[in-house]
Amino acid sequence: MKNEVSPELAALLSAVTNMADVPQRPHPRKGDQRDGSVYSPTPEIITAVQVALITGRPLLLAGPPGCGKSSLASFVARTLDFAYLEFVVTDESSPQDLLWNVDVIARLRDAQLATGDGQVPPLNDYVAPGPLWWALDPDSAARRGGDKNATTGRPCRMPVYLKDYEPQGAGAVLLIDEIDKAESSFCNGLLVPLGSRQFHVTDINEPVENGADRAPESPLVIITTNGERDLPDAFVRRCVVLAVEGPNAERLEEIAKLHFPAIAADASLLERVQLLAHRFTKSAKEHASTAEFLDLVSVMLTLGADADLQQWQLIERLVVEKPSLRRNLFASW
């Protein structure tokens, strides 16, 4: 016997099921693309996203750098027609940064410049919503400062991370990237806000929870870790966890054709990419990333036959063998 599924959730699950067939939007690739334009989801990724939507749990993606963890979030946002927000964790990050901050410096400045009685401006005008607040209830986030930001005088707007994208769905995807960069206290401070999808803004005594017009499956929180630091067990237990492995040669070929459509239409190019993919997965001494493989393909397509064997060996060292190259340089110095 199946649980009854709302039409809204059924539509989201169907969109995720079919997201491997979503029309891709490739464009000249420079650096790491995080605009959701191109992605090749595996069946495991599709199932993991569906489980996260059904359970309301964050999706924790664990895997080596460059294997496509971070770029999944923006692709899912476009697939679901949801808003996209992101927060990149550093060793100085605080869980408070995801919820809200108070611009005390601007408040002090305005108090010093005030005329008349010189009273300190109300704290409410200087509360800056964080990414999780925007994801939960953008309407209340936009009302900070009496419909206008006290510092700029302009209406508050949700941060824009994806160009040329106007989401129509009533939800959001929030990426919390590289959570393993922070201490365990960062994860512990997010247990309740992420688990309950609500928090209390103590500075102004105001609750924040999923807005009435928001999809109950929103926000979909996607978290990434490179495994540099163990995450607290209590935090991991509250997540849907998927280990993302580096792709094999066949999958590298598939990814390359998505990013560079000309490959599929040219038998000679396709053969060169296939040979490169097999050599790439066999000979890389260190774990080389998908992003580095795509860099090699881009260089190969640009230089073509102009690169001789010696130059190409140098290119591979520059793009792929960076860890071993650094060790050799340090030893020579």
C-alpha atoms as a PDB file:
ATOM      1  CA  MET A   1       0.000   0.000   0.000  1.00  0.00           C
ATOM      2  CA  LYS A   2       1.447   3.351  -1.074  1.00  0.00           C
ATOM      3  CA  ASN A   3       1.225   6.621   0.795  1.00  0.00           C
ATOM      4  CA  GLU A   4      -0.901   9.222  -0.888  1.00  0.00           C
ATOM      5  CA  VAL A   5       1.261  11.754  -2.678  1.00  0.00           C
ATOM      6  CA  SER A   6       0.166  15.327  -3.254  1.00  0.00           C
ATOM      7  CA  PRO A   7      -0.015  16.466  -6.880  1.00  0.00           C
ATOM      8  CA  GLU A   8       2.756  18.986  -6.159  1.00  0.00           C
ATOM      9  CA  LEU A   9       5.154  16.338  -4.812  1.00  0.00           C
ATOM     10  CA  ALA A  10       4.229  13.949  -7.625  1.00  0.00           C
ATOM     11  CA  ALA A  11       5.135  16.640 -10.164  1.00  0.00           C
ATOM     12  CA  LEU A  12       8.488  17.275  -8.478  1.00  0.00           C
ATOM     13  CA  LEU A  13       9.333  13.571  -8.320  1.00  0.00           C
ATOM     14  CA  SER A  14       8.421  13.191 -11.985  1.00  0.00           C
ATOM     15  CA  ALA A  15      10.644  16.144 -12.909  1.00  0.00           C
ATOM     16  CA  VAL A  16      13.567  14.575 -11.049  1.00  0.00           C
ATOM     17  CA  THR A  17      12.945  11.181 -12.682  1.00  0.00           C
ATOM     18  CA  ASN A  18      13.196  12.826 -16.098  1.00  0.00           C
ATOM     19  CA  MET A  19      15.990  15.286 -15.344  1.00  0.00           C
ATOM     20  CA  ALA A  20      18.499  13.184 -17.303  1.00  0.00           C
ATOM     21  CA  ASP A  21      16.419  14.129 -20.372  1.00  0.00           C
ATOM     22  CA  VAL A  22      16.254  17.849 -19.576  1.00  0.00           C
ATOM     23  CA  PRO A  23      17.530  19.879 -22.550  1.00  0.00           C
ATOM     24  CA  GLN A  24      21.093  20.936 -21.807  1.00  0.00           C
ATOM     25  CA  ARG A  25      22.301  24.502 -22.304  1.00  0.00           C
ATOM     26  CA  PRO A  26      25.993  24.151 -23.143  1.00  0.00           C
ATOM     27  CA  HIS A  27      28.093  27.247 -23.744  1.00  0.00           C
ATOM     28  CA  PRO A  28      31.837  27.896 -23.974  1.00  0.00           C
ATOM     29  CA  ARG A  29      33.241  26.339 -20.826  1.00  0.00           C
ATOM     30  CA  LYS A  30      35.562  28.424 -18.674  1.00  0.00           C
ATOM     31  CA  GLY A  31      36.563  27.208 -15.212  1.00  0.00           C
ATOM     32  CA  ASP A  32      34.058  25.472 -12.958  1.00  0.00           C
ATOM     33  CA  GLN A  33      30.510  26.016 -14.169  1.00  0.00           C
ATOM     34  CA  ARG A  34      27.922  26.254 -11.402  1.00  0.00           C
ATOM     35  CA  ASP A  35      25.064  27.723 -13.380  1.00  0.00           C
ATOM     36  CA  GLY A  36      23.032  24.532 -13.753  1.00  0.00           C
ATOM     37  CA  SER A  37      23.333  24.614 -17.526  1.00  0.00           C
ATOM     38  CA  VAL A  38      24.851  21.156 -18.050  1.00  0.00           C
ATOM     39  CA  TYR A  39      24.765  18.040 -15.881  1.00  0.00           C
ATOM     40  CA  SER A  40      24.621  14.274 -16.359  1.00  0.00           C
ATOM     41  CA  PRO A  41      22.754  12.787 -13.379  1.00  0.00           C
ATOM     42  CA  THR A  42      23.265   9.124 -12.576  1.00  0.00           C
ATOM     43  CA  PRO A  43      20.365   6.877 -11.501  1.00  0.00           C
ATOM     44  CA  GLU A  44      21.799   6.978  -7.961  1.00  0.00           C
ATOM     45  CA  ILE A  45      21.704  10.785  -7.920  1.00  0.00           C
ATOM     46  CA  ILE A  46      18.134  10.850  -9.243  1.00  0.00           C
ATOM     47  CA  THR A  47      16.976   8.453  -6.530  1.00  0.00           C
ATOM     48  CA  ALA A  48      18.844  10.381  -3.813  1.00  0.00           C
ATOM     49  CA  VAL A  49      17.181  13.673  -4.807  1.00  0.00           C
ATOM     50  CA  GLN A  50      13.758  12.015  -4.778  1.00  0.00           C
ATOM     51  CA  VAL A  51      14.366  10.539  -1.316  1.00  0.00           C
ATOM     52  CA  ALA A  52      15.431  13.964  -0.023  1.00  0.00           C
ATOM     53  CA  LEU A  53      12.252  15.543  -1.420  1.00  0.00           C
ATOM     54  CA  ILE A  54      10.015  12.847   0.079  1.00  0.00           C
ATOM     55  CA  THR A  55      11.629  12.854   3.535  1.00  0.00           C
ATOM     56  CA  GLY A  56      12.401  16.557   3.802  1.00  0.00           C
ATOM     57  CA  ARG A  57      15.978  15.710   4.789  1.00  0.00           C
ATOM     58  CA  PRO A  58      19.098  17.480   3.504  1.00  0.00           C
ATOM     59  CA  LEU A  59      20.977  15.568   0.799  1.00  0.00           C
ATOM     60  CA  LEU A  60      24.623  15.136   1.823  1.00  0.00           C
ATOM     61  CA  LEU A  61      26.928  14.418  -1.136  1.00  0.00           C
ATOM     62  CA  ALA A  62      30.331  13.009  -0.200  1.00  0.00           C
ATOM     63  CA  GLY A  63      33.127  12.559  -2.695  1.00  0.00           C
ATOM     64  CA  PRO A  64      36.443  13.840  -4.039  1.00  0.00           C
ATOM     65  CA  PRO A  65      36.780  17.424  -5.290  1.00  0.00           C
ATOM     66  CA  GLY A  66      35.704  18.000  -8.871  1.00  0.00           C
ATOM     67  CA  CYS A  67      33.335  15.032  -9.206  1.00  0.00           C
ATOM     68  CA  GLY A  68      30.225  17.192  -9.741  1.00  0.00           C
ATOM     69  CA  LYS A  69      28.759  17.494  -6.247  1.00  0.00           C
ATOM     70  CA  SER A  70      28.331  21.266  -6.137  1.00  0.00           C
ATOM     71  CA  SER A  71      27.106  21.706  -9.705  1.00  0.00           C
ATOM     72  CA  LEU A  72      24.211  19.302  -9.071  1.00  0.00           C
ATOM     73  CA  ALA A  73      22.366  21.824  -6.881  1.00  0.00           C
ATOM     74  CA  SER A  74      21.909  24.516  -9.521  1.00  0.00           C
ATOM     75  CA  PHE A  75      20.906  21.897 -12.109  1.00  0.00           C
ATOM     76  CA  VAL A  76      18.226  20.534  -9.761  1.00  0.00           C
ATOM     77  CA  ALA A  77      16.992  24.074  -9.101  1.00  0.00           C
ATOM     78  CA  ARG A  78      16.520  24.661 -12.825  1.00  0.00           C
ATOM     79  CA  THR A  79      14.876  21.248 -13.230  1.00  0.00           C
ATOM     80  CA  LEU A  80      12.335  21.954 -10.474  1.00  0.00           C
ATOM     81  CA  ASP A  81      11.965  25.628 -11.473  1.00  0.00           C
ATOM     82  CA  PHE A  82      13.020  26.579  -7.945  1.00  0.00           C
ATOM     83  CA  ALA A  83      15.042  29.541  -6.745  1.00  0.00           C
ATOM     84  CA  TYR A  84      18.709  28.778  -6.156  1.00  0.00           C
ATOM     85  CA  LEU A  85      20.770  29.921  -3.186  1.00  0.00           C
ATOM     86  CA  GLU A  86      24.224  28.909  -2.025  1.00  0.00           C
ATOM     87  CA  PHE A  87      26.556  29.260   0.918  1.00  0.00           C
ATOM     88  CA  VAL A  88      30.235  28.296   0.667  1.00  0.00           C
ATOM     89  CA  VAL A  89      31.603  27.213   4.041  1.00  0.00           C
ATOM     90  CA  THR A  90      35.025  28.353   5.285  1.00  0.00           C
ATOM     91  CA  ASP A  91      36.909  27.636   8.476  1.00  0.00           C
ATOM     92  CA  GLU A  92      35.563  30.944   9.808  1.00  0.00           C
ATOM     93  CA  SER A  93      31.907  30.273   9.008  1.00  0.00           C
ATOM     94  CA  SER A  94      29.263  30.306  11.716  1.00  0.00           C
ATOM     95  CA  PRO A  95      25.844  28.628  11.510  1.00  0.00           C
ATOM     96  CA  GLN A  96      24.451  32.086  12.232  1.00  0.00           C
ATOM     97  CA  ASP A  97      25.623  33.173   8.769  1.00  0.00           C
ATOM     98  CA  LEU A  98      23.000  30.905   7.205  1.00  0.00           C
ATOM     99  CA  LEU A  99      20.189  32.339   9.340  1.00  0.00           C
ATOM    100  CA  TRP A 100      20.660  36.078   9.782  1.00  0.00           C
ATOM    101  CA  ASN A 101      23.167  38.756  10.721  1.00  0.00           C
ATOM    102  CA  VAL A 102      22.858  42.212  12.213  1.00  0.00           C
ATOM    103  CA  ASP A 103      24.767  45.045  10.528  1.00  0.00           C
ATOM    104  CA  VAL A 104      25.876  46.677  13.774  1.00  0.00           C
ATOM    105  CA  ILE A 105      28.481  48.832  12.023  1.00  0.00           C
ATOM    106  CA  ALA A 106      25.875  50.448   9.748  1.00  0.00           C
ATOM    107  CA  ARG A 107      23.582  50.969  12.714  1.00  0.00           C
ATOM    108  CA  LEU A 108      26.331  52.681  14.711  1.00  0.00           C
ATOM    109  CA  ARG A 109      27.252  54.850  11.741  1.00  0.00           C
ATOM    110  CA  ASP A 110      23.663  55.936  11.184  1.00  0.00           C
ATOM    111  CA  ALA A 111      23.267  56.687  14.880  1.00  0.00           C
ATOM    112  CA  GLN A 112      26.338  58.942  14.789  1.00  0.00           C
ATOM    113  CA  LEU A 113      25.053  60.755  11.704  1.00  0.00           C
ATOM    114  CA  ALA A 114      21.491  61.064  12.994  1.00  0.00           C
ATOM    115  CA  THR A 115      19.998  64.494  13.481  1.00  0.00           C
ATOM    116  CA  GLY A 116      17.359  65.590  15.954  1.00  0.00           C
ATOM    117  CA  ASP A 117      17.246  63.517  19.126  1.00  0.00           C
ATOM    118  CA  GLY A 118      20.074  61.255  17.887  1.00  0.00           C
ATOM    119  CA  GLN A 119      18.314  58.083  18.942  1.00  0.00           C
ATOM    120  CA  VAL A 120      19.779  54.778  17.793  1.00  0.00           C
ATOM    121  CA  PRO A 121      17.798  53.468  14.771  1.00  0.00           C
ATOM    122  CA  PRO A 122      15.624  50.414  15.449  1.00  0.00           C
ATOM    123  CA  LEU A 123      17.462  47.112  15.278  1.00  0.00           C
ATOM    124  CA  ASN A 124      14.821  45.720  12.930  1.00  0.00           C
ATOM    125  CA  ASP A 125      16.157  47.919  10.129  1.00  0.00           C
ATOM    126  CA  TYR A 126      19.579  46.268  10.253  1.00  0.00           C
ATOM    127  CA  VAL A 127      18.702  42.568  10.300  1.00  0.00           C
ATOM    128  CA  ALA A 128      20.110  40.932   7.151  1.00  0.00           C
ATOM    129  CA  PRO A 129      18.467  37.593   6.233  1.00  0.00           C
ATOM    130  CA  GLY A 130      20.777  34.677   5.493  1.00  0.00           C
ATOM    131  CA  PRO A 131      20.387  32.086   2.718  1.00  0.00           C
ATOM    132  CA  LEU A 132      18.221  29.704   4.778  1.00  0.00           C
ATOM    133  CA  TRP A 133      15.826  32.541   5.667  1.00  0.00           C
ATOM    134  CA  TRP A 134      15.508  33.475   1.975  1.00  0.00           C
ATOM    135  CA  ALA A 135      14.944  29.811   1.114  1.00  0.00           C
ATOM    136  CA  LEU A 136      12.224  29.350   3.737  1.00  0.00           C
ATOM    137  CA  ASP A 137      10.282  32.587   3.428  1.00  0.00           C
ATOM    138  CA  PRO A 138      11.521  35.163   0.898  1.00  0.00           C
ATOM    139  CA  ASP A 139       8.527  37.413   1.597  1.00  0.00           C
ATOM    140  CA  SER A 140       9.439  37.997   5.242  1.00  0.00           C
ATOM    141  CA  ALA A 141      13.122  38.274   4.301  1.00  0.00           C
ATOM    142  CA  ALA A 142      12.308  41.020   1.797  1.00  0.00           C
ATOM    143  CA  ARG A 143      10.407  43.004   4.454  1.00  0.00           C
ATOM    144  CA  ARG A 144      13.494  43.645   6.522  1.00  0.00           C
ATOM    145  CA  GLY A 145      13.843  47.379   7.152  1.00  0.00           C
ATOM    146  CA  GLY A 146      10.250  48.370   6.410  1.00  0.00           C
ATOM    147  CA  ASP A 147      10.327  47.114   2.811  1.00  0.00           C
ATOM    148  CA  LYS A 148      13.631  48.894   2.227  1.00  0.00           C
ATOM    149  CA  ASN A 149      17.144  48.059   3.211  1.00  0.00           C
ATOM    150  CA  ALA A 150      18.278  50.644   5.750  1.00  0.00           C
ATOM    151  CA  THR A 151      21.794  50.851   4.310  1.00  0.00           C
ATOM    152  CA  THR A 152      21.032  51.091   0.580  1.00  0.00           C
ATOM    153  CA  GLY A 153      17.522  52.513   0.606  1.00  0.00           C
ATOM    154  CA  ARG A 154      16.514  49.915  -2.000  1.00  0.00           C
ATOM    155  CA  PRO A 155      14.033  47.077  -1.531  1.00  0.00           C
ATOM    156  CA  CYS A 156      15.605  43.863  -0.273  1.00  0.00           C
ATOM    157  CA  ARG A 157      15.946  41.213  -2.963  1.00  0.00           C
ATOM    158  CA  MET A 158      16.785  37.545  -2.892  1.00  0.00           C
ATOM    159  CA  PRO A 159      20.434  37.040  -3.903  1.00  0.00           C
ATOM    160  CA  VAL A 160      20.808  36.053  -7.550  1.00  0.00           C
ATOM    161  CA  TYR A 161      23.338  33.320  -8.334  1.00  0.00           C
ATOM    162  CA  LEU A 162      22.116  32.148 -11.745  1.00  0.00           C
ATOM    163  CA  LYS A 163      22.098  34.557 -14.666  1.00  0.00           C
ATOM    164  CA  ASP A 164      19.152  34.683 -17.045  1.00  0.00           C
ATOM    165  CA  TYR A 165      17.006  32.565 -14.752  1.00  0.00           C
ATOM    166  CA  GLU A 166      13.622  33.568 -13.364  1.00  0.00           C
ATOM    167  CA  PRO A 167      12.227  30.673 -11.307  1.00  0.00           C
ATOM    168  CA  GLN A 168       8.463  30.237 -11.331  1.00  0.00           C
ATOM    169  CA  GLY A 169       8.137  27.446  -8.772  1.00  0.00           C
ATOM    170  CA  ALA A 170       7.231  28.078  -5.132  1.00  0.00           C
ATOM    171  CA  GLY A 171      10.391  26.643  -3.671  1.00  0.00           C
ATOM    172  CA  ALA A 172      14.156  26.883  -3.362  1.00  0.00           C
ATOM    173  CA  VAL A 173      17.279  24.750  -3.559  1.00  0.00           C
ATOM    174  CA  LEU A 174      19.941  25.718  -1.038  1.00  0.00           C
ATOM    175  CA  LEU A 175      23.526  24.539  -1.537  1.00  0.00           C
ATOM    176  CA  ILE A 176      25.766  24.398   1.547  1.00  0.00           C
ATOM    177  CA  ASP A 177      29.121  23.776  -0.078  1.00  0.00           C
ATOM    178  CA  GLU A 178      32.196  22.125   1.485  1.00  0.00           C
ATOM    179  CA  ILE A 179      30.758  21.783   4.958  1.00  0.00           C
ATOM    180  CA  ASP A 180      33.833  19.808   6.021  1.00  0.00           C
ATOM    181  CA  LYS A 181      35.834  23.054   5.996  1.00  0.00           C
ATOM    182  CA  ALA A 182      34.177  24.132   9.265  1.00  0.00           C
ATOM    183  CA  GLU A 183      34.487  22.790  12.793  1.00  0.00           C
ATOM    184  CA  SER A 184      31.891  20.323  14.088  1.00  0.00           C
ATOM    185  CA  SER A 185      30.175  23.156  15.951  1.00  0.00           C
ATOM    186  CA  PHE A 186      29.029  24.528  12.587  1.00  0.00           C
ATOM    187  CA  CYS A 187      27.120  21.318  11.819  1.00  0.00           C
ATOM    188  CA  ASN A 188      25.741  21.070  15.354  1.00  0.00           C
ATOM    189  CA  GLY A 189      24.397  24.612  15.135  1.00  0.00           C
ATOM    190  CA  LEU A 190      22.331  23.666  12.082  1.00  0.00           C
ATOM    191  CA  LEU A 191      20.706  20.523  13.496  1.00  0.00           C
ATOM    192  CA  VAL A 192      17.476  22.239  14.530  1.00  0.00           C
ATOM    193  CA  PRO A 193      17.082  24.808  11.699  1.00  0.00           C
ATOM    194  CA  LEU A 194      17.653  22.208   8.971  1.00  0.00           C
ATOM    195  CA  GLY A 195      15.738  19.470  10.763  1.00  0.00           C
ATOM    196  CA  SER A 196      12.644  21.512  11.611  1.00  0.00           C
ATOM    197  CA  ARG A 197      12.831  23.995   8.715  1.00  0.00           C
ATOM    198  CA  GLN A 198      12.341  26.874  11.075  1.00  0.00           C
ATOM    199  CA  PHE A 199      14.252  29.066  13.491  1.00  0.00           C
ATOM    200  CA  HIS A 200      13.698  32.070  15.734  1.00  0.00           C
ATOM    201  CA  VAL A 201      15.334  35.444  15.065  1.00  0.00           C
ATOM    202  CA  THR A 202      16.146  36.280  18.670  1.00  0.00           C
ATOM    203  CA  ASP A 203      17.372  39.803  17.905  1.00  0.00           C
ATOM    204  CA  ILE A 204      13.880  40.884  16.853  1.00  0.00           C
ATOM    205  CA  ASN A 205      11.826  38.063  18.447  1.00  0.00           C
ATOM    206  CA  GLU A 206      10.432  36.839  15.131  1.00  0.00           C
ATOM    207  CA  PRO A 207       9.907  33.252  13.934  1.00  0.00           C
ATOM    208  CA  VAL A 208      10.948  32.166  10.452  1.00  0.00           C
ATOM    209  CA  GLU A 209       9.337  29.122   8.903  1.00  0.00           C
ATOM    210  CA  ASN A 210       8.219  27.905   5.515  1.00  0.00           C
ATOM    211  CA  GLY A 211       5.961  30.576   4.040  1.00  0.00           C
ATOM    212  CA  ALA A 212       2.316  29.814   3.360  1.00  0.00           C
ATOM    213  CA  ASP A 213       2.858  30.062  -0.402  1.00  0.00           C
ATOM    214  CA  ARG A 214       5.940  27.833  -0.405  1.00  0.00           C
ATOM    215  CA  ALA A 215       6.095  24.238  -1.573  1.00  0.00           C
ATOM    216  CA  PRO A 216       6.058  21.944   1.488  1.00  0.00           C
ATOM    217  CA  GLU A 217       9.034  20.093  -0.030  1.00  0.00           C
ATOM    218  CA  SER A 218      11.013  23.336  -0.016  1.00  0.00           C
ATOM    219  CA  PRO A 219      13.743  24.084   0.631  1.00  0.00           C
ATOM    220  CA  LEU A 220      15.684  21.194  -0.803  1.00  0.00           C
ATOM    221  CA  VAL A 221      19.036  21.489   0.966  1.00  0.00           C
ATOM    222  CA  ILE A 222      22.054  19.943  -0.780  1.00  0.00           C
ATOM    223  CA  ILE A 223      25.265  19.730   1.257  1.00  0.00           C
ATOM    224  CA  THR A 224      28.690  18.726  -0.033  1.00  0.00           C
ATOM    225  CA  THR A 225      31.764  17.377   1.709  1.00  0.00           C
ATOM    226  CA  ASN A 226      35.190  16.447   0.367  1.00  0.00           C
ATOM    227  CA  GLY A 227      35.873  14.331   3.430  1.00  0.00           C
ATOM    228  CA  GLU A 228      38.658  16.548   4.784  1.00  0.00           C
ATOM    229  CA  ARG A 229      37.065  16.423   8.243  1.00  0.00           C
ATOM    230  CA  ASP A 230      34.662  13.922   9.816  1.00  0.00           C
ATOM    231  CA  LEU A 231      31.147  15.265  10.305  1.00  0.00           C
ATOM    232  CA  PRO A 232      29.271  14.757  13.610  1.00  0.00           C
ATOM    233  CA  ASP A 233      27.236  11.548  13.720  1.00  0.00           C
ATOM    234  CA  ALA A 234      24.142  13.438  14.852  1.00  0.00           C
ATOM    235  CA  PHE A 235      24.355  15.617  11.751  1.00  0.00           C
ATOM    236  CA  VAL A 236      24.956  12.747   9.318  1.00  0.00           C
ATOM    237  CA  ARG A 237      22.009  10.811  10.771  1.00  0.00           C
ATOM    238  CA  ARG A 238      19.709  13.674   9.851  1.00  0.00           C
ATOM    239  CA  CYS A 239      20.753  13.611   6.188  1.00  0.00           C
ATOM    240  CA  VAL A 240      20.195  11.477   3.131  1.00  0.00           C
ATOM    241  CA  VAL A 241      23.775  10.505   2.274  1.00  0.00           C
ATOM    242  CA  LEU A 242      25.165   9.615  -1.154  1.00  0.00           C
ATOM    243  CA  ALA A 243      28.793   8.847  -1.954  1.00  0.00           C
ATOM    244  CA  VAL A 244      29.643  10.313  -5.368  1.00  0.00           C
ATOM    245  CA  GLU A 245      32.458   8.422  -7.049  1.00  0.00           C
ATOM    246  CA  GLY A 246      34.711   9.575  -9.827  1.00  0.00           C
ATOM    247  CA  PRO A 247      33.372   8.540 -13.264  1.00  0.00           C
ATOM    248  CA  ASN A 248      34.771   5.771 -15.431  1.00  0.00           C
ATOM    249  CA  ALA A 249      35.866   6.302 -19.035  1.00  0.00           C
ATOM    250  CA  GLU A 250      32.405   5.733 -20.515  1.00  0.00           C
ATOM    251  CA  ARG A 251      30.802   8.275 -18.232  1.00  0.00           C
ATOM    252  CA  LEU A 252      33.577  10.793 -18.919  1.00  0.00           C
ATOM    253  CA  GLU A 253      32.804  10.434 -22.615  1.00  0.00           C
ATOM    254  CA  GLU A 254      29.097  11.027 -21.945  1.00  0.00           C
ATOM    255  CA  ILE A 255      29.849  14.131 -19.875  1.00  0.00           C
ATOM    256  CA  ALA A 256      32.220  15.495 -22.510  1.00  0.00           C
ATOM    257  CA  LYS A 257      29.549  15.168 -25.222  1.00  0.00           C
ATOM    258  CA  LEU A 258      27.105  17.148 -23.076  1.00  0.00           C
ATOM    259  CA  HIS A 259      29.580  19.987 -22.589  1.00  0.00           C
ATOM    260  CA  PHE A 260      30.920  19.912 -26.164  1.00  0.00           C
ATOM    261  CA  PRO A 261      28.090  18.844 -28.539  1.00  0.00           C
ATOM    262  CA  ALA A 262      30.423  18.964 -31.555  1.00  0.00           C
ATOM    263  CA  ILE A 263      32.086  15.769 -30.318  1.00  0.00           C
ATOM    264  CA  ALA A 264      29.049  13.577 -31.013  1.00  0.00           C
ATOM    265  CA  ALA A 265      28.804  14.809 -34.608  1.00  0.00           C
ATOM    266  CA  ASP A 266      32.459  14.206 -35.481  1.00  0.00           C
ATOM    267  CA  ALA A 267      33.690  10.596 -35.483  1.00  0.00           C
ATOM    268  CA  SER A 268      37.336  11.658 -35.392  1.00  0.00           C
ATOM    269  CA  LEU A 269      36.783  13.944 -32.398  1.00  0.00           C
ATOM    270  CA  LEU A 270      34.768  11.268 -30.622  1.00  0.00           C
ATOM    271  CA  GLU A 271      37.540   8.719 -31.046  1.00  0.00           C
ATOM    272  CA  ARG A 272      40.118  11.128 -29.650  1.00  0.00           C
ATOM    273  CA  VAL A 273      37.915  11.868 -26.639  1.00  0.00           C
ATOM    274  CA  GLN A 274      37.376   8.152 -26.022  1.00  0.00           C
ATOM    275  CA  LEU A 275      41.119   7.481 -26.110  1.00  0.00           C
ATOM    276  CA  LEU A 276      41.731  10.431 -23.799  1.00  0.00           C
ATOM    277  CA  ALA A 277      39.063   9.235 -21.359  1.00  0.00           C
ATOM    278  CA  HIS A 278      40.550   5.726 -21.141  1.00  0.00           C
ATOM    279  CA  ARG A 279      44.082   7.072 -20.730  1.00  0.00           C
ATOM    280  CA  PHE A 280      42.858   9.616 -18.202  1.00  0.00           C
ATOM    281  CA  THR A 281      41.223   7.048 -15.935  1.00  0.00           C
ATOM    282  CA  LYS A 282      44.115   4.592 -16.226  1.00  0.00           C
ATOM    283  CA  SER A 283      47.207   6.737 -15.931  1.00  0.00           C
ATOM    284  CA  ALA A 284      46.292   9.451 -13.431  1.00  0.00           C
ATOM    285  CA  LYS A 285      48.494   8.790 -10.405  1.00  0.00           C
ATOM    286  CA  GLU A 286      46.309  10.939  -8.208  1.00  0.00           C
ATOM    287  CA  HIS A 287      42.517  11.015  -8.334  1.00  0.00           C
ATOM    288  CA  ALA A 288      41.882  13.404 -11.214  1.00  0.00           C
ATOM    289  CA  SER A 289      38.552  15.175 -11.338  1.00  0.00           C
ATOM    290  CA  THR A 290      35.864  15.408 -13.990  1.00  0.00           C
ATOM    291  CA  ALA A 291      36.550  19.129 -14.197  1.00  0.00           C
ATOM    292  CA  GLU A 292      40.196  18.466 -15.072  1.00  0.00           C
ATOM    293  CA  PHE A 293      39.184  16.003 -17.779  1.00  0.00           C
ATOM    294  CA  LEU A 294      36.862  18.614 -19.293  1.00  0.00           C
ATOM    295  CA  ASP A 295      39.746  21.097 -19.215  1.00  0.00           C
ATOM    296  CA  LEU A 296      41.848  18.614 -21.215  1.00  0.00           C
ATOM    297  CA  VAL A 297      39.054  18.115 -23.735  1.00  0.00           C
ATOM    298  CA  SER A 298      38.668  21.874 -24.123  1.00  0.00           C
ATOM    299  CA  VAL A 299      42.397  22.270 -24.787  1.00  0.00           C
ATOM    300  CA  MET A 300      42.377  19.331 -27.200  1.00  0.00           C
ATOM    301  CA  LEU A 301      39.462  20.781 -29.186  1.00  0.00           C
ATOM    302  CA  THR A 302      41.119  24.193 -29.311  1.00  0.00           C
ATOM    303  CA  LEU A 303      44.676  23.198 -30.206  1.00  0.00           C
ATOM    304  CA  GLY A 304      43.700  20.191 -32.312  1.00  0.00           C
ATOM    305  CA  ALA A 305      46.624  18.710 -34.206  1.00  0.00           C
ATOM    306  CA  ASP A 306      48.776  21.750 -33.459  1.00  0.00           C
ATOM    307  CA  ALA A 307      49.974  20.228 -30.161  1.00  0.00           C
ATOM    308  CA  ASP A 308      52.822  17.749 -30.603  1.00  0.00           C
ATOM    309  CA  LEU A 309      53.470  14.843 -28.232  1.00  0.00           C
ATOM    310  CA  GLN A 310      55.915  16.752 -26.039  1.00  0.00           C
ATOM    311  CA  GLN A 311      53.576  19.725 -25.680  1.00  0.00           C
ATOM    312  CA  TRP A 312      50.619  17.457 -24.934  1.00  0.00           C
ATOM    313  CA  GLN A 313      52.571  15.669 -22.188  1.00  0.00           C
ATOM    314  CA  LEU A 314      53.240  19.080 -20.645  1.00  0.00           C
ATOM    315  CA  ILE A 315      49.537  19.975 -20.915  1.00  0.00           C
ATOM    316  CA  GLU A 316      48.568  16.802 -19.072  1.00  0.00           C
ATOM    317  CA  ARG A 317      51.059  17.564 -16.309  1.00  0.00           C
ATOM    318  CA  LEU A 318      49.739  21.109 -16.001  1.00  0.00           C
ATOM    319  CA  VAL A 319      46.096  20.065 -15.859  1.00  0.00           C
ATOM    320  CA  VAL A 320      46.114  16.669 -14.152  1.00  0.00           C
ATOM    321  CA  GLU A 321      49.348  15.843 -12.363  1.00  0.00           C
ATOM    322  CA  LYS A 322      49.383  18.921 -10.146  1.00  0.00           C
ATOM    323  CA  PRO A 323      49.789  17.129  -6.778  1.00  0.00           C
ATOM    324  CA  SER A 324      52.821  15.103  -7.905  1.00  0.00           C
ATOM    325  CA  LEU A 325      54.235  18.133  -9.714  1.00  0.00           C
ATOM    326  CA  ARG A 326      54.032  20.181  -6.511  1.00  0.00           C
ATOM    327  CA  ARG A 327      55.841  17.472  -4.564  1.00  0.00           C
ATOM    328  CA  ASN A 328      58.634  17.319  -7.146  1.00  0.00           C
ATOM    329  CA  LEU A 329      59.036  21.088  -7.113  1.00  0.00           C
ATOM    330  CA  PHE A 330      59.178  21.200  -3.335  1.00  0.00           C
ATOM    331  CA  ALA A 331      61.813  18.479  -3.359  1.00  0.00           C
ATOM    332  CA  SER A 332      63.933  20.369  -5.892  1.00  0.00           C
ATOM    333  CA  TRP A 333      63.662  23.616  -3.955  1.00  0.00           C
END
